[in-house]
C-alpha atoms as a PDB file:
ATOM      1  CA  UNK A   1     -63.871  54.923  -5.843  1.00  0.00           C
ATOM      2  CA  UNK A   2     -64.039  51.650  -7.703  1.00  0.00           C
ATOM      3  CA  UNK A   3     -61.359  51.300 -10.365  1.00  0.00           C
ATOM      4  CA  UNK A   4     -61.940  50.099 -13.913  1.00  0.00           C
ATOM      5  CA  UNK A   5     -59.410  47.291 -14.480  1.00  0.00           C
ATOM      6  CA  UNK A   6     -59.147  48.269 -18.149  1.00  0.00           C
ATOM      7  CA  UNK A   7     -57.664  51.729 -17.451  1.00  0.00           C
ATOM      8  CA  UNK A   8     -54.570  52.750 -15.468  1.00  0.00           C
ATOM      9  CA  UNK A   9     -55.396  53.790 -11.911  1.00  0.00           C
ATOM     10  CA  UNK A  10     -53.400  57.020 -12.222  1.00  0.00           C
ATOM     11  CA  UNK A  11     -55.533  58.057 -15.201  1.00  0.00           C
ATOM     12  CA  UNK A  12     -58.770  57.349 -13.338  1.00  0.00           C
ATOM     13  CA  UNK A  13     -57.516  59.355 -10.359  1.00  0.00           C
ATOM     14  CA  UNK A  14     -56.551  62.248 -12.645  1.00  0.00           C
ATOM     15  CA  UNK A  15     -60.049  62.133 -14.168  1.00  0.00           C
ATOM     16  CA  UNK A  16     -61.655  62.183 -10.712  1.00  0.00           C
ATOM     17  CA  UNK A  17     -59.517  65.120  -9.548  1.00  0.00           C
ATOM     18  CA  UNK A  18     -60.454  66.959 -12.752  1.00  0.00           C
ATOM     19  CA  UNK A  19     -64.157  66.341 -12.042  1.00  0.00           C
ATOM     20  CA  UNK A  20     -63.735  67.648  -8.501  1.00  0.00           C
ATOM     21  CA  UNK A  21     -62.029  70.792  -9.751  1.00  0.00           C
ATOM     22  CA  UNK A  22     -64.747  71.360 -12.353  1.00  0.00           C
ATOM     23  CA  UNK A  23     -67.482  70.890  -9.711  1.00  0.00           C
ATOM     24  CA  UNK A  24     -65.738  73.329  -7.367  1.00  0.00           C
ATOM     25  CA  UNK A  25     -64.955  70.719  -4.710  1.00  0.00           C
ATOM     26  CA  UNK A  26     -61.302  71.683  -5.156  1.00  0.00           C
ATOM     27  CA  UNK A  27     -61.412  75.454  -5.679  1.00  0.00           C
ATOM     28  CA  UNK A  28     -58.672  77.580  -7.228  1.00  0.00           C
ATOM     29  CA  UNK A  29     -55.486  77.577  -5.148  1.00  0.00           C
ATOM     30  CA  UNK A  30     -56.645  74.498  -3.188  1.00  0.00           C
ATOM     31  CA  UNK A  31     -53.645  72.459  -2.018  1.00  0.00           C
ATOM     32  CA  UNK A  32     -53.630  68.826  -3.109  1.00  0.00           C
ATOM     33  CA  UNK A  33     -51.917  66.473  -0.668  1.00  0.00           C
ATOM     34  CA  UNK A  34     -50.316  63.349  -2.160  1.00  0.00           C
ATOM     35  CA  UNK A  35     -50.589  61.573   1.178  1.00  0.00           C
ATOM     36  CA  UNK A  36     -54.281  62.374   1.584  1.00  0.00           C
ATOM     37  CA  UNK A  37     -55.122  61.463  -2.018  1.00  0.00           C
ATOM     38  CA  UNK A  38     -53.175  58.187  -1.817  1.00  0.00           C
ATOM     39  CA  UNK A  39     -55.039  57.267   1.354  1.00  0.00           C
ATOM     40  CA  UNK A  40     -58.417  58.273  -0.059  1.00  0.00           C
ATOM     41  CA  UNK A  41     -57.985  56.309  -3.287  1.00  0.00           C
ATOM     42  CA  UNK A  42     -56.200  53.364  -1.641  1.00  0.00           C
ATOM     43  CA  UNK A  43     -53.118  53.602  -3.848  1.00  0.00           C
ATOM     44  CA  UNK A  44     -49.457  54.402  -3.280  1.00  0.00           C
ATOM     45  CA  UNK A  45     -48.021  57.875  -3.675  1.00  0.00           C
ATOM     46  CA  UNK A  46     -46.302  56.982  -6.958  1.00  0.00           C
ATOM     47  CA  UNK A  47     -49.729  56.415  -8.526  1.00  0.00           C
ATOM     48  CA  UNK A  48     -50.900  59.802  -7.245  1.00  0.00           C
ATOM     49  CA  UNK A  49     -47.709  61.418  -8.572  1.00  0.00           C
ATOM     50  CA  UNK A  50     -48.439  60.059 -12.057  1.00  0.00           C
ATOM     51  CA  UNK A  51     -51.953  61.494 -11.858  1.00  0.00           C
ATOM     52  CA  UNK A  52     -50.776  64.913 -10.674  1.00  0.00           C
ATOM     53  CA  UNK A  53     -48.036  64.986 -13.319  1.00  0.00           C
ATOM     54  CA  UNK A  54     -50.680  64.495 -16.016  1.00  0.00           C
ATOM     55  CA  UNK A  55     -52.757  67.301 -14.485  1.00  0.00           C
ATOM     56  CA  UNK A  56     -49.712  69.604 -14.314  1.00  0.00           C
ATOM     57  CA  UNK A  57     -48.907  68.803 -17.950  1.00  0.00           C
ATOM     58  CA  UNK A  58     -52.474  69.760 -18.887  1.00  0.00           C
ATOM     59  CA  UNK A  59     -52.195  73.045 -16.946  1.00  0.00           C
ATOM     60  CA  UNK A  60     -54.960  72.254 -14.465  1.00  0.00           C
ATOM     61  CA  UNK A  61     -52.711  72.235 -11.405  1.00  0.00           C
ATOM     62  CA  UNK A  62     -49.316  73.669 -10.582  1.00  0.00           C
ATOM     63  CA  UNK A  63     -46.446  72.746  -8.320  1.00  0.00           C
ATOM     64  CA  UNK A  64     -44.892  75.468  -6.159  1.00  0.00           C
ATOM     65  CA  UNK A  65     -41.405  74.448  -4.984  1.00  0.00           C
ATOM     66  CA  UNK A  66     -41.169  73.916  -1.223  1.00  0.00           C
ATOM     67  CA  UNK A  67     -44.907  74.596  -0.854  1.00  0.00           C
ATOM     68  CA  UNK A  68     -46.879  71.882  -2.640  1.00  0.00           C
ATOM     69  CA  UNK A  69     -49.288  71.192  -5.454  1.00  0.00           C
ATOM     70  CA  UNK A  70     -52.227  73.525  -6.004  1.00  0.00           C
ATOM     71  CA  UNK A  71     -55.251  73.892  -8.245  1.00  0.00           C
ATOM     72  CA  UNK A  72     -54.253  76.496 -10.762  1.00  0.00           C
ATOM     73  CA  UNK A  73     -56.102  79.824 -10.722  1.00  0.00           C
ATOM     74  CA  UNK A  74     -58.189  80.623 -13.769  1.00  0.00           C
ATOM     75  CA  UNK A  75     -56.552  82.602 -16.570  1.00  0.00           C
ATOM     76  CA  UNK A  76     -58.392  85.757 -15.421  1.00  0.00           C
ATOM     77  CA  UNK A  77     -57.046  85.397 -11.863  1.00  0.00           C
ATOM     78  CA  UNK A  78     -53.510  84.733 -13.103  1.00  0.00           C
ATOM     79  CA  UNK A  79     -53.542  87.958 -15.150  1.00  0.00           C
ATOM     80  CA  UNK A  80     -54.805  89.939 -12.144  1.00  0.00           C
ATOM     81  CA  UNK A  81     -51.912  88.575 -10.050  1.00  0.00           C
ATOM     82  CA  UNK A  82     -49.317  89.796 -12.558  1.00  0.00           C
END
């Protein structure tokens, strides 16, 4: 991925992860690895953390303590789990 120097890298990474989720490349409940994403995008883990924080704040992904960060299930799936 080539970064636009006019936008923060974390924001561009968050946008790319969002696109991948929307295209189904990262399906519901897919685990996102900070290490793998940092390596793939050629950035440090702090940059990836900023991106995943923005995605958590938007409700697209969720963090499960002691397990990791996952693509959030759709609203229909979440209701079925309850």
